[in-house]
PDB file of N, CA and C in Angstrom:
ATOM      1  N   ILE A   1     -58.859  13.917  34.354  1.00  0.00           N
ATOM      2  CA  ILE A   1     -58.547  13.020  33.248  1.00  0.00           C
ATOM      3  C   ILE A   1     -57.212  13.398  32.629  1.00  0.00           C
ATOM      4  N   VAL A   2     -57.000  14.695  32.408  1.00  0.00           N
ATOM      5  CA  VAL A   2     -55.750  15.142  31.786  1.00  0.00           C
ATOM      6  C   VAL A   2     -54.557  14.735  32.640  1.00  0.00           C
ATOM      7  N   LYS A   3     -54.669  14.942  33.928  1.00  0.00           N
ATOM      8  CA  LYS A   3     -53.555  14.584  34.809  1.00  0.00           C
ATOM      9  C   LYS A   3     -53.294  13.084  34.783  1.00  0.00           C
ATOM     10  N   SER A   4     -54.336  12.289  34.680  1.00  0.00           N
ATOM     11  CA  SER A   4     -54.162  10.832  34.593  1.00  0.00           C
ATOM     12  C   SER A   4     -53.474  10.435  33.286  1.00  0.00           C
ATOM     13  N   LEU A   5     -53.872  11.064  32.187  1.00  0.00           N
ATOM     14  CA  LEU A   5     -53.221  10.785  30.904  1.00  0.00           C
ATOM     15  C   LEU A   5     -51.738  11.136  30.960  1.00  0.00           C
ATOM     16  N   LEU A   6     -51.429  12.277  31.566  1.00  0.00           N
ATOM     17  CA  LEU A   6     -50.034  12.704  31.659  1.00  0.00           C
ATOM     18  C   LEU A   6     -49.238  11.809  32.607  1.00  0.00           C
ATOM     19  N   LEU A   7     -49.877  11.320  33.658  1.00  0.00           N
ATOM     20  CA  LEU A   7     -49.194  10.393  34.556  1.00  0.00           C
ATOM     21  C   LEU A   7     -48.862   9.094  33.830  1.00  0.00           C
ATOM     22  N   MET A   8     -49.784   8.609  33.017  1.00  0.00           N
ATOM     23  CA  MET A   8     -49.492   7.404  32.225  1.00  0.00           C
ATOM     24  C   MET A   8     -48.338   7.667  31.265  1.00  0.00           C
ATOM     25  N   TYR A   9     -48.307   8.859  30.684  1.00  0.00           N
ATOM     26  CA  TYR A   9     -47.201   9.226  29.794  1.00  0.00           C
ATOM     27  C   TYR A   9     -45.873   9.215  30.562  1.00  0.00           C
ATOM     28  N   GLN A  10     -45.875   9.820  31.746  1.00  0.00           N
ATOM     29  CA  GLN A  10     -44.647   9.881  32.537  1.00  0.00           C
ATOM     30  C   GLN A  10     -44.191   8.491  32.972  1.00  0.00           C
ATOM     31  N   GLN A  11     -45.123   7.643  33.341  1.00  0.00           N
ATOM     32  CA  GLN A  11     -44.758   6.330  33.857  1.00  0.00           C
ATOM     33  C   GLN A  11     -44.501   5.298  32.767  1.00  0.00           C
ATOM     34  N   GLY A  12     -45.200   5.434  31.632  1.00  0.00           N
ATOM     35  CA  GLY A  12     -45.080   4.420  30.594  1.00  0.00           C
ATOM     36  C   GLY A  12     -44.449   4.871  29.298  1.00  0.00           C
ATOM     37  N   GLY A  13     -44.301   6.185  29.128  1.00  0.00           N
ATOM     38  CA  GLY A  13     -43.636   6.698  27.942  1.00  0.00           C
ATOM     39  C   GLY A  13     -44.535   7.093  26.788  1.00  0.00           C
ATOM     40  N   ASP A  14     -45.824   6.749  26.857  1.00  0.00           N
ATOM     41  CA  ASP A  14     -46.764   7.074  25.772  1.00  0.00           C
ATOM     42  C   ASP A  14     -48.052   7.635  26.357  1.00  0.00           C
ATOM     43  N   LEU A  15     -48.723   8.475  25.570  1.00  0.00           N
ATOM     44  CA  LEU A  15     -50.105   8.799  25.905  1.00  0.00           C
ATOM     45  C   LEU A  15     -50.934   7.569  25.565  1.00  0.00           C
ATOM     46  N   PRO A  16     -51.877   7.205  26.410  1.00  0.00           N
ATOM     47  CA  PRO A  16     -52.631   5.974  26.165  1.00  0.00           C
ATOM     48  C   PRO A  16     -53.723   6.133  25.115  1.00  0.00           C
ATOM     49  N   ARG A  17     -54.094   5.003  24.543  1.00  0.00           N
ATOM     50  CA  ARG A  17     -55.299   4.886  23.717  1.00  0.00           C
ATOM     51  C   ARG A  17     -56.215   3.936  24.454  1.00  0.00           C
ATOM     52  N   TRP A  18     -57.307   4.445  24.951  1.00  0.00           N
ATOM     53  CA  TRP A  18     -58.295   3.654  25.678  1.00  0.00           C
ATOM     54  C   TRP A  18     -57.649   2.901  26.837  1.00  0.00           C
ATOM     55  N   PRO A  19     -57.163   3.637  27.852  1.00  0.00           N
ATOM     56  CA  PRO A  19     -56.536   2.962  28.988  1.00  0.00           C
ATOM     57  C   PRO A  19     -57.561   2.170  29.792  1.00  0.00           C
ATOM     58  N   LEU A  20     -57.106   1.091  30.381  1.00  0.00           N
ATOM     59  CA  LEU A  20     -57.969   0.241  31.199  1.00  0.00           C
ATOM     60  C   LEU A  20     -57.159  -0.283  32.368  1.00  0.00           C
ATOM     61  N   ALA A  21     -57.665  -0.076  33.569  1.00  0.00           N
ATOM     62  CA  ALA A  21     -57.015  -0.578  34.780  1.00  0.00           C
ATOM     63  C   ALA A  21     -55.554  -0.146  34.844  1.00  0.00           C
ATOM     64  N   ASN A  22     -55.304   1.108  34.571  1.00  0.00           N
ATOM     65  CA  ASN A  22     -53.960   1.690  34.617  1.00  0.00           C
ATOM     66  C   ASN A  22     -52.985   1.068  33.624  1.00  0.00           C
ATOM     67  N   GLY A  23     -53.503   0.531  32.521  1.00  0.00           N
ATOM     68  CA  GLY A  23     -52.634  -0.066  31.525  1.00  0.00           C
ATOM     69  C   GLY A  23     -53.007   0.356  30.122  1.00  0.00           C
ATOM     70  N   TYR A  24     -52.141   0.048  29.197  1.00  0.00           N
ATOM     71  CA  TYR A  24     -52.357   0.352  27.795  1.00  0.00           C
ATOM     72  C   TYR A  24     -53.127  -0.787  27.141  1.00  0.00           C
ATOM     73  N   THR A  25     -54.152  -0.464  26.392  1.00  0.00           N
ATOM     74  CA  THR A  25     -54.876  -1.503  25.664  1.00  0.00           C
ATOM     75  C   THR A  25     -54.542  -1.460  24.182  1.00  0.00           C
ATOM     76  N   GLY A  26     -54.185  -0.280  23.669  1.00  0.00           N
ATOM     77  CA  GLY A  26     -53.868  -0.145  22.252  1.00  0.00           C
ATOM     78  C   GLY A  26     -55.101  -0.215  21.365  1.00  0.00           C
ATOM     79  N   THR A  27     -56.267  -0.298  21.959  1.00  0.00           N
ATOM     80  CA  THR A  27     -57.487  -0.330  21.157  1.00  0.00           C
ATOM     81  C   THR A  27     -57.902   1.091  20.809  1.00  0.00           C
ATOM     82  N   MET A  28     -58.756   1.242  19.883  1.00  0.00           N
ATOM     83  CA  MET A  28     -59.261   2.503  19.370  1.00  0.00           C
ATOM     84  C   MET A  28     -58.303   3.032  18.309  1.00  0.00           C
ATOM     85  N   GLU A  29     -58.864   3.551  17.275  1.00  0.00           N
ATOM     86  CA  GLU A  29     -58.059   4.146  16.203  1.00  0.00           C
ATOM     87  C   GLU A  29     -57.673   5.564  16.596  1.00  0.00           C
ATOM     88  N   GLY A  30     -56.580   6.037  16.081  1.00  0.00           N
ATOM     89  CA  GLY A  30     -56.163   7.405  16.325  1.00  0.00           C
ATOM     90  C   GLY A  30     -55.443   7.575  17.651  1.00  0.00           C
ATOM     91  N   THR A  31     -55.095   8.814  17.916  1.00  0.00           N
ATOM     92  CA  THR A  31     -54.401   9.178  19.152  1.00  0.00           C
ATOM     93  C   THR A  31     -55.204  10.284  19.827  1.00  0.00           C
ATOM     94  N   HIS A  32     -56.382   9.909  20.299  1.00  0.00           N
ATOM     95  CA  HIS A  32     -57.355  10.896  20.746  1.00  0.00           C
ATOM     96  C   HIS A  32     -57.112  11.454  22.137  1.00  0.00           C
ATOM     97  N   ALA A  33     -56.095  10.980  22.836  1.00  0.00           N
ATOM     98  CA  ALA A  33     -55.718  11.647  24.083  1.00  0.00           C
ATOM     99  C   ALA A  33     -55.328  13.097  23.760  1.00  0.00           C
ATOM    100  N   ILE A  34     -54.804  13.304  22.562  1.00  0.00           N
ATOM    101  CA  ILE A  34     -54.489  14.655  22.093  1.00  0.00           C
ATOM    102  C   ILE A  34     -55.728  15.540  22.176  1.00  0.00           C
ATOM    103  N   ASN A  35     -56.854  15.010  21.727  1.00  0.00           N
ATOM    104  CA  ASN A  35     -58.091  15.782  21.698  1.00  0.00           C
ATOM    105  C   ASN A  35     -58.613  16.078  23.098  1.00  0.00           C
ATOM    106  N   VAL A  36     -58.497  15.114  23.994  1.00  0.00           N
ATOM    107  CA  VAL A  36     -58.977  15.301  25.362  1.00  0.00           C
ATOM    108  C   VAL A  36     -58.202  16.423  26.041  1.00  0.00           C
ATOM    109  N   ILE A  37     -56.892  16.400  25.907  1.00  0.00           N
ATOM    110  CA  ILE A  37     -56.048  17.409  26.550  1.00  0.00           C
ATOM    111  C   ILE A  37     -56.293  18.784  25.934  1.00  0.00           C
ATOM    112  N   ALA A  38     -56.297  18.857  24.615  1.00  0.00           N
ATOM    113  CA  ALA A  38     -56.503  20.146  23.943  1.00  0.00           C
ATOM    114  C   ALA A  38     -57.884  20.712  24.243  1.00  0.00           C
ATOM    115  N   ASP A  39     -58.895  19.862  24.268  1.00  0.00           N
ATOM    116  CA  ASP A  39     -60.253  20.310  24.551  1.00  0.00           C
ATOM    117  C   ASP A  39     -60.351  20.899  25.955  1.00  0.00           C
ATOM    118  N   ALA A  40     -59.720  20.252  26.915  1.00  0.00           N
ATOM    119  CA  ALA A  40     -59.734  20.766  28.283  1.00  0.00           C
ATOM    120  C   ALA A  40     -59.122  22.165  28.333  1.00  0.00           C
ATOM    121  N   TYR A  41     -58.030  22.342  27.635  1.00  0.00           N
ATOM    122  CA  TYR A  41     -57.314  23.619  27.653  1.00  0.00           C
ATOM    123  C   TYR A  41     -58.019  24.688  26.810  1.00  0.00           C
ATOM    124  N   LEU A  42     -58.346  24.361  25.575  1.00  0.00           N
ATOM    125  CA  LEU A  42     -58.859  25.352  24.626  1.00  0.00           C
ATOM    126  C   LEU A  42     -60.326  25.704  24.851  1.00  0.00           C
ATOM    127  N   ARG A  43     -61.145  24.720  25.105  1.00  0.00           N
ATOM    128  CA  ARG A  43     -62.581  24.974  25.206  1.00  0.00           C
ATOM    129  C   ARG A  43     -63.001  25.257  26.634  1.00  0.00           C
ATOM    130  N   ASP A  44     -62.472  24.458  27.567  1.00  0.00           N
ATOM    131  CA  ASP A  44     -62.926  24.571  28.946  1.00  0.00           C
ATOM    132  C   ASP A  44     -62.042  25.464  29.810  1.00  0.00           C
ATOM    133  N   GLY A  45     -60.890  25.853  29.285  1.00  0.00           N
ATOM    134  CA  GLY A  45     -60.008  26.744  30.042  1.00  0.00           C
ATOM    135  C   GLY A  45     -59.326  26.077  31.223  1.00  0.00           C
ATOM    136  N   ILE A  46     -59.240  24.758  31.207  1.00  0.00           N
ATOM    137  CA  ILE A  46     -58.580  24.029  32.294  1.00  0.00           C
ATOM    138  C   ILE A  46     -57.075  24.085  32.050  1.00  0.00           C
ATOM    139  N   LYS A  47     -56.365  24.683  33.018  1.00  0.00           N
ATOM    140  CA  LYS A  47     -54.933  24.876  32.831  1.00  0.00           C
ATOM    141  C   LYS A  47     -54.120  24.461  34.055  1.00  0.00           C
ATOM    142  N   ASP A  48     -54.737  23.701  34.945  1.00  0.00           N
ATOM    143  CA  ASP A  48     -54.029  23.294  36.157  1.00  0.00           C
ATOM    144  C   ASP A  48     -53.312  21.953  35.973  1.00  0.00           C
ATOM    145  N   PHE A  49     -52.565  21.881  34.884  1.00  0.00           N
ATOM    146  CA  PHE A  49     -51.732  20.710  34.609  1.00  0.00           C
ATOM    147  C   PHE A  49     -50.466  21.210  33.941  1.00  0.00           C
ATOM    148  N   ASN A  50     -49.474  20.361  33.828  1.00  0.00           N
ATOM    149  CA  ASN A  50     -48.191  20.734  33.237  1.00  0.00           C
ATOM    150  C   ASN A  50     -48.366  20.851  31.716  1.00  0.00           C
ATOM    151  N   ILE A  51     -48.552  22.057  31.249  1.00  0.00           N
ATOM    152  CA  ILE A  51     -48.878  22.298  29.844  1.00  0.00           C
ATOM    153  C   ILE A  51     -47.701  21.947  28.933  1.00  0.00           C
ATOM    154  N   SER A  52     -46.488  22.256  29.349  1.00  0.00           N
ATOM    155  CA  SER A  52     -45.333  21.924  28.494  1.00  0.00           C
ATOM    156  C   SER A  52     -45.142  20.410  28.403  1.00  0.00           C
ATOM    157  N   LEU A  53     -45.372  19.697  29.488  1.00  0.00           N
ATOM    158  CA  LEU A  53     -45.315  18.235  29.452  1.00  0.00           C
ATOM    159  C   LEU A  53     -46.410  17.682  28.544  1.00  0.00           C
ATOM    160  N   ALA A  54     -47.595  18.257  28.667  1.00  0.00           N
ATOM    161  CA  ALA A  54     -48.716  17.818  27.832  1.00  0.00           C
ATOM    162  C   ALA A  54     -48.400  18.015  26.357  1.00  0.00           C
ATOM    163  N   TYR A  55     -47.862  19.177  26.015  1.00  0.00           N
ATOM    164  CA  TYR A  55     -47.554  19.432  24.609  1.00  0.00           C
ATOM    165  C   TYR A  55     -46.480  18.467  24.091  1.00  0.00           C
ATOM    166  N   ALA A  56     -45.462  18.230  24.902  1.00  0.00           N
ATOM    167  CA  ALA A  56     -44.406  17.293  24.505  1.00  0.00           C
ATOM    168  C   ALA A  56     -44.989  15.893  24.282  1.00  0.00           C
ATOM    169  N   ALA A  57     -45.872  15.468  25.162  1.00  0.00           N
ATOM    170  CA  ALA A  57     -46.502  14.146  25.032  1.00  0.00           C
ATOM    171  C   ALA A  57     -47.370  14.074  23.787  1.00  0.00           C
ATOM    172  N   MET A  58     -48.125  15.127  23.528  1.00  0.00           N
ATOM    173  CA  MET A  58     -49.009  15.165  22.373  1.00  0.00           C
ATOM    174  C   MET A  58     -48.211  15.137  21.075  1.00  0.00           C
ATOM    175  N   LYS A  59     -47.161  15.939  21.019  1.00  0.00           N
ATOM    176  CA  LYS A  59     -46.334  15.983  19.809  1.00  0.00           C
ATOM    177  C   LYS A  59     -45.639  14.639  19.582  1.00  0.00           C
ATOM    178  N   GLN A  60     -45.123  14.048  20.656  1.00  0.00           N
ATOM    179  CA  GLN A  60     -44.477  12.739  20.533  1.00  0.00           C
ATOM    180  C   GLN A  60     -45.474  11.704  20.022  1.00  0.00           C
ATOM    181  N   SER A  61     -46.672  11.739  20.543  1.00  0.00           N
ATOM    182  CA  SER A  61     -47.711  10.795  20.136  1.00  0.00           C
ATOM    183  C   SER A  61     -48.031  10.909  18.649  1.00  0.00           C
ATOM    184  N   ALA A  62     -47.957  12.126  18.123  1.00  0.00           N
ATOM    185  CA  ALA A  62     -48.301  12.365  16.721  1.00  0.00           C
ATOM    186  C   ALA A  62     -47.144  12.131  15.756  1.00  0.00           C
ATOM    187  N   THR A  63     -45.916  12.179  16.245  1.00  0.00           N
ATOM    188  CA  THR A  63     -44.790  12.199  15.311  1.00  0.00           C
ATOM    189  C   THR A  63     -43.756  11.089  15.492  1.00  0.00           C
ATOM    190  N   GLU A  64     -43.854  10.320  16.570  1.00  0.00           N
ATOM    191  CA  GLU A  64     -42.844   9.295  16.845  1.00  0.00           C
ATOM    192  C   GLU A  64     -43.495   7.935  17.074  1.00  0.00           C
ATOM    193  N   VAL A  65     -42.773   6.898  16.737  1.00  0.00           N
ATOM    194  CA  VAL A  65     -43.222   5.540  17.018  1.00  0.00           C
ATOM    195  C   VAL A  65     -43.255   5.363  18.535  1.00  0.00           C
ATOM    196  N   GLN A  66     -44.339   4.781  19.045  1.00  0.00           N
ATOM    197  CA  GLN A  66     -44.525   4.603  20.478  1.00  0.00           C
ATOM    198  C   GLN A  66     -44.422   3.129  20.842  1.00  0.00           C
ATOM    199  N   ALA A  67     -44.024   2.854  22.057  1.00  0.00           N
ATOM    200  CA  ALA A  67     -43.894   1.467  22.515  1.00  0.00           C
ATOM    201  C   ALA A  67     -45.243   0.813  22.779  1.00  0.00           C
ATOM    202  N   HIS A  68     -46.211   1.570  23.282  1.00  0.00           N
ATOM    203  CA  HIS A  68     -47.466   0.966  23.737  1.00  0.00           C
ATOM    204  C   HIS A  68     -48.688   1.374  22.929  1.00  0.00           C
ATOM    205  N   ALA A  69     -48.762   2.601  22.527  1.00  0.00           N
ATOM    206  CA  ALA A  69     -50.028   3.103  21.982  1.00  0.00           C
ATOM    207  C   ALA A  69     -49.807   4.016  20.787  1.00  0.00           C
ATOM    208  N   GLY A  70     -48.851   3.691  19.964  1.00  0.00           N
ATOM    209  CA  GLY A  70     -48.500   4.559  18.856  1.00  0.00           C
ATOM    210  C   GLY A  70     -49.432   4.459  17.665  1.00  0.00           C
ATOM    211  N   ARG A  71     -49.147   5.274  16.700  1.00  0.00           N
ATOM    212  CA  ARG A  71     -49.927   5.307  15.468  1.00  0.00           C
ATOM    213  C   ARG A  71     -49.461   4.212  14.521  1.00  0.00           C
ATOM    214  N   GLN A  72     -50.374   3.346  14.146  1.00  0.00           N
ATOM    215  CA  GLN A  72     -50.070   2.298  13.172  1.00  0.00           C
ATOM    216  C   GLN A  72     -49.858   2.945  11.803  1.00  0.00           C
ATOM    217  N   GLY A  73     -48.790   2.569  11.124  1.00  0.00           N
ATOM    218  CA  GLY A  73     -48.514   3.126   9.803  1.00  0.00           C
ATOM    219  C   GLY A  73     -48.018   4.560   9.832  1.00  0.00           C
ATOM    220  N   LEU A  74     -47.443   4.973  10.948  1.00  0.00           N
ATOM    221  CA  LEU A  74     -47.024   6.372  11.115  1.00  0.00           C
ATOM    222  C   LEU A  74     -46.063   6.832  10.027  1.00  0.00           C
ATOM    223  N   GLU A  75     -45.085   5.994   9.674  1.00  0.00           N
ATOM    224  CA  GLU A  75     -44.098   6.420   8.672  1.00  0.00           C
ATOM    225  C   GLU A  75     -44.760   6.684   7.322  1.00  0.00           C
ATOM    226  N   TYR A  76     -45.787   5.908   6.978  1.00  0.00           N
ATOM    227  CA  TYR A  76     -46.511   6.149   5.723  1.00  0.00           C
ATOM    228  C   TYR A  76     -47.334   7.422   5.821  1.00  0.00           C
ATOM    229  N   TYR A  77     -47.978   7.622   6.948  1.00  0.00           N
ATOM    230  CA  TYR A  77     -48.793   8.822   7.138  1.00  0.00           C
ATOM    231  C   TYR A  77     -47.934  10.082   7.032  1.00  0.00           C
ATOM    232  N   ILE A  78     -46.761  10.061   7.645  1.00  0.00           N
ATOM    233  CA  ILE A  78     -45.877  11.231   7.596  1.00  0.00           C
ATOM    234  C   ILE A  78     -45.342  11.450   6.183  1.00  0.00           C
ATOM    235  N   ASN A  79     -44.922  10.385   5.510  1.00  0.00           N
ATOM    236  CA  ASN A  79     -44.297  10.522   4.194  1.00  0.00           C
ATOM    237  C   ASN A  79     -45.280  10.660   3.042  1.00  0.00           C
ATOM    238  N   LYS A  80     -46.421  10.002   3.114  1.00  0.00           N
ATOM    239  CA  LYS A  80     -47.384  10.015   2.009  1.00  0.00           C
ATOM    240  C   LYS A  80     -48.628  10.841   2.292  1.00  0.00           C
ATOM    241  N   GLY A  81     -48.889  11.108   3.583  1.00  0.00           N
ATOM    242  CA  GLY A  81     -50.089  11.837   3.944  1.00  0.00           C
ATOM    243  C   GLY A  81     -51.291  10.939   4.172  1.00  0.00           C
ATOM    244  N   TYR A  82     -51.085   9.631   4.111  1.00  0.00           N
ATOM    245  CA  TYR A  82     -52.162   8.672   4.370  1.00  0.00           C
ATOM    246  C   TYR A  82     -51.560   7.327   4.744  1.00  0.00           C
ATOM    247  N   VAL A  83     -52.400   6.468   5.322  1.00  0.00           N
ATOM    248  CA  VAL A  83     -51.992   5.105   5.638  1.00  0.00           C
ATOM    249  C   VAL A  83     -52.602   4.194   4.576  1.00  0.00           C
ATOM    250  N   PRO A  84     -51.783   3.559   3.743  1.00  0.00           N
ATOM    251  CA  PRO A  84     -52.301   2.703   2.673  1.00  0.00           C
ATOM    252  C   PRO A  84     -53.027   1.471   3.200  1.00  0.00           C
ATOM    253  N   TYR A  85     -53.958   1.001   2.420  1.00  0.00           N
ATOM    254  CA  TYR A  85     -54.698  -0.219   2.745  1.00  0.00           C
ATOM    255  C   TYR A  85     -53.757  -1.402   2.911  1.00  0.00           C
ATOM    256  N   GLU A  86     -52.690  -1.428   2.127  1.00  0.00           N
ATOM    257  CA  GLU A  86     -51.727  -2.528   2.200  1.00  0.00           C
ATOM    258  C   GLU A  86     -51.027  -2.589   3.563  1.00  0.00           C
ATOM    259  N   VAL A  87     -50.966  -1.472   4.244  1.00  0.00           N
ATOM    260  CA  VAL A  87     -50.355  -1.411   5.569  1.00  0.00           C
ATOM    261  C   VAL A  87     -51.371  -1.783   6.645  1.00  0.00           C
ATOM    262  N   SER A  88     -52.595  -1.324   6.459  1.00  0.00           N
ATOM    263  CA  SER A  88     -53.670  -1.622   7.405  1.00  0.00           C
ATOM    264  C   SER A  88     -54.997  -1.619   6.665  1.00  0.00           C
ATOM    265  N   SER A  89     -55.809  -2.614   6.927  1.00  0.00           N
ATOM    266  CA  SER A  89     -57.133  -2.651   6.291  1.00  0.00           C
ATOM    267  C   SER A  89     -58.015  -1.509   6.780  1.00  0.00           C
ATOM    268  N   THR A  90     -57.606  -0.850   7.847  1.00  0.00           N
ATOM    269  CA  THR A  90     -58.338   0.323   8.351  1.00  0.00           C
ATOM    270  C   THR A  90     -57.584   1.617   8.020  1.00  0.00           C
ATOM    271  N   GLY A  91     -56.808   1.604   6.946  1.00  0.00           N
ATOM    272  CA  GLY A  91     -55.993   2.759   6.580  1.00  0.00           C
ATOM    273  C   GLY A  91     -56.774   4.046   6.417  1.00  0.00           C
ATOM    274  N   ALA A  92     -57.964   3.971   5.838  1.00  0.00           N
ATOM    275  CA  ALA A  92     -58.773   5.176   5.649  1.00  0.00           C
ATOM    276  C   ALA A  92     -59.204   5.761   6.991  1.00  0.00           C
ATOM    277  N   VAL A  93     -59.598   4.892   7.911  1.00  0.00           N
ATOM    278  CA  VAL A  93     -60.001   5.340   9.244  1.00  0.00           C
ATOM    279  C   VAL A  93     -58.804   5.930   9.988  1.00  0.00           C
ATOM    280  N   LEU A  94     -57.662   5.253   9.896  1.00  0.00           N
ATOM    281  CA  LEU A  94     -56.459   5.759  10.554  1.00  0.00           C
ATOM    282  C   LEU A  94     -56.088   7.134  10.011  1.00  0.00           C
ATOM    283  N   THR A  95     -56.110   7.285   8.699  1.00  0.00           N
ATOM    284  CA  THR A  95     -55.755   8.557   8.076  1.00  0.00           C
ATOM    285  C   THR A  95     -56.674   9.667   8.551  1.00  0.00           C
ATOM    286  N   GLN A  96     -57.964   9.411   8.560  1.00  0.00           N
ATOM    287  CA  GLN A  96     -58.918  10.426   9.002  1.00  0.00           C
ATOM    288  C   GLN A  96     -58.716  10.755  10.491  1.00  0.00           C
ATOM    289  N   SER A  97     -58.499   9.750  11.293  1.00  0.00           N
ATOM    290  CA  SER A  97     -58.277   9.977  12.727  1.00  0.00           C
ATOM    291  C   SER A  97     -57.019  10.794  12.967  1.00  0.00           C
ATOM    292  N   TYR A  98     -55.937  10.418  12.300  1.00  0.00           N
ATOM    293  CA  TYR A  98     -54.676  11.138  12.483  1.00  0.00           C
ATOM    294  C   TYR A  98     -54.792  12.581  12.003  1.00  0.00           C
ATOM    295  N   ALA A  99     -55.477  12.787  10.891  1.00  0.00           N
ATOM    296  CA  ALA A  99     -55.637  14.144  10.366  1.00  0.00           C
ATOM    297  C   ALA A  99     -56.400  15.016  11.363  1.00  0.00           C
ATOM    298  N   TYR A 100     -57.449  14.466  11.948  1.00  0.00           N
ATOM    299  CA  TYR A 100     -58.208  15.238  12.940  1.00  0.00           C
ATOM    300  C   TYR A 100     -57.355  15.508  14.174  1.00  0.00           C
ATOM    301  N   ASP A 101     -56.667  14.486  14.670  1.00  0.00           N
ATOM    302  CA  ASP A 101     -55.810  14.658  15.834  1.00  0.00           C
ATOM    303  C   ASP A 101     -54.731  15.715  15.566  1.00  0.00           C
ATOM    304  N   ASP A 102     -54.172  15.700  14.370  1.00  0.00           N
ATOM    305  CA  ASP A 102     -53.142  16.677  14.008  1.00  0.00           C
ATOM    306  C   ASP A 102     -53.706  18.088  13.915  1.00  0.00           C
ATOM    307  N   TRP A 103     -54.929  18.213  13.428  1.00  0.00           N
ATOM    308  CA  TRP A 103     -55.577  19.530  13.369  1.00  0.00           C
ATOM    309  C   TRP A 103     -55.772  20.071  14.786  1.00  0.00           C
ATOM    310  N   VAL A 104     -56.198  19.204  15.684  1.00  0.00           N
ATOM    311  CA  VAL A 104     -56.372  19.608  17.081  1.00  0.00           C
ATOM    312  C   VAL A 104     -55.024  20.005  17.680  1.00  0.00           C
ATOM    313  N   LEU A 105     -53.995  19.214  17.425  1.00  0.00           N
ATOM    314  CA  LEU A 105     -52.656  19.520  17.928  1.00  0.00           C
ATOM    315  C   LEU A 105     -52.160  20.852  17.369  1.00  0.00           C
ATOM    316  N   SER A 106     -52.460  21.122  16.121  1.00  0.00           N
ATOM    317  CA  SER A 106     -52.086  22.393  15.510  1.00  0.00           C
ATOM    318  C   SER A 106     -52.755  23.566  16.222  1.00  0.00           C
ATOM    319  N   ASN A 107     -54.016  23.416  16.556  1.00  0.00           N
ATOM    320  CA  ASN A 107     -54.725  24.471  17.282  1.00  0.00           C
ATOM    321  C   ASN A 107     -54.154  24.676  18.681  1.00  0.00           C
ATOM    322  N   PHE A 108     -53.774  23.590  19.317  1.00  0.00           N
ATOM    323  CA  PHE A 108     -53.151  23.683  20.631  1.00  0.00           C
ATOM    324  C   PHE A 108     -51.807  24.402  20.525  1.00  0.00           C
ATOM    325  N   ALA A 109     -51.008  24.046  19.526  1.00  0.00           N
ATOM    326  CA  ALA A 109     -49.718  24.711  19.311  1.00  0.00           C
ATOM    327  C   ALA A 109     -49.923  26.201  19.053  1.00  0.00           C
ATOM    328  N   SER A 110     -50.937  26.548  18.281  1.00  0.00           N
ATOM    329  CA  SER A 110     -51.231  27.968  18.021  1.00  0.00           C
ATOM    330  C   SER A 110     -51.557  28.699  19.311  1.00  0.00           C
ATOM    331  N   ALA A 111     -52.353  28.072  20.159  1.00  0.00           N
ATOM    332  CA  ALA A 111     -52.723  28.698  21.426  1.00  0.00           C
ATOM    333  C   ALA A 111     -51.512  28.901  22.324  1.00  0.00           C
ATOM    334  N   LEU A 112     -50.511  28.042  22.172  1.00  0.00           N
ATOM    335  CA  LEU A 112     -49.281  28.150  22.958  1.00  0.00           C
ATOM    336  C   LEU A 112     -48.221  29.005  22.253  1.00  0.00           C
ATOM    337  N   ASN A 113     -48.574  29.573  21.110  1.00  0.00           N
ATOM    338  CA  ASN A 113     -47.663  30.389  20.302  1.00  0.00           C
ATOM    339  C   ASN A 113     -46.445  29.605  19.822  1.00  0.00           C
ATOM    340  N   ILE A 114     -46.639  28.346  19.500  1.00  0.00           N
ATOM    341  CA  ILE A 114     -45.590  27.513  18.918  1.00  0.00           C
ATOM    342  C   ILE A 114     -45.897  27.450  17.434  1.00  0.00           C
ATOM    343  N   THR A 115     -45.596  28.534  16.731  1.00  0.00           N
ATOM    344  CA  THR A 115     -46.040  28.700  15.350  1.00  0.00           C
ATOM    345  C   THR A 115     -45.419  27.688  14.399  1.00  0.00           C
ATOM    346  N   SER A 116     -44.188  27.270  14.644  1.00  0.00           N
ATOM    347  CA  SER A 116     -43.560  26.309  13.730  1.00  0.00           C
ATOM    348  C   SER A 116     -44.309  24.975  13.755  1.00  0.00           C
ATOM    349  N   ASP A 117     -44.763  24.553  14.903  1.00  0.00           N
ATOM    350  CA  ASP A 117     -45.521  23.306  15.001  1.00  0.00           C
ATOM    351  C   ASP A 117     -46.967  23.485  14.568  1.00  0.00           C
ATOM    352  N   ALA A 118     -47.496  24.665  14.725  1.00  0.00           N
ATOM    353  CA  ALA A 118     -48.881  24.911  14.330  1.00  0.00           C
ATOM    354  C   ALA A 118     -49.063  24.720  12.833  1.00  0.00           C
ATOM    355  N   GLN A 119     -47.985  24.909  12.075  1.00  0.00           N
ATOM    356  CA  GLN A 119     -48.061  24.768  10.622  1.00  0.00           C
ATOM    357  C   GLN A 119     -47.468  23.457  10.136  1.00  0.00           C
ATOM    358  N   MET A 120     -47.134  22.572  11.068  1.00  0.00           N
ATOM    359  CA  MET A 120     -46.508  21.302  10.744  1.00  0.00           C
ATOM    360  C   MET A 120     -47.393  20.433   9.893  1.00  0.00           C
TER     361      MET A 120
END
């Protein structure tokens, strides 16, 4: 699964959200590909994938606007710490999802000894 997520990132530029038939659907809240990759590495000890590519993809997914599967309201989340209802009627769900994804990304960064990002 991790290798497939990374292949989609390499070919399409974004980590997918709920991929279907080798394409981006953009459905599902949050950027949970971050969780799948980190869980494989941190909990299951799966390391037979390009870890630096994975980290770059995960960080990009959390911090940059994406063409296919990005975070809705990202600029508000980064600047205010939440996604306002005025931006999305699911702002509370988005905020909670992003916060969890970021916590997971922080743990992954810690495991890779990327301390500056672990405290981001």
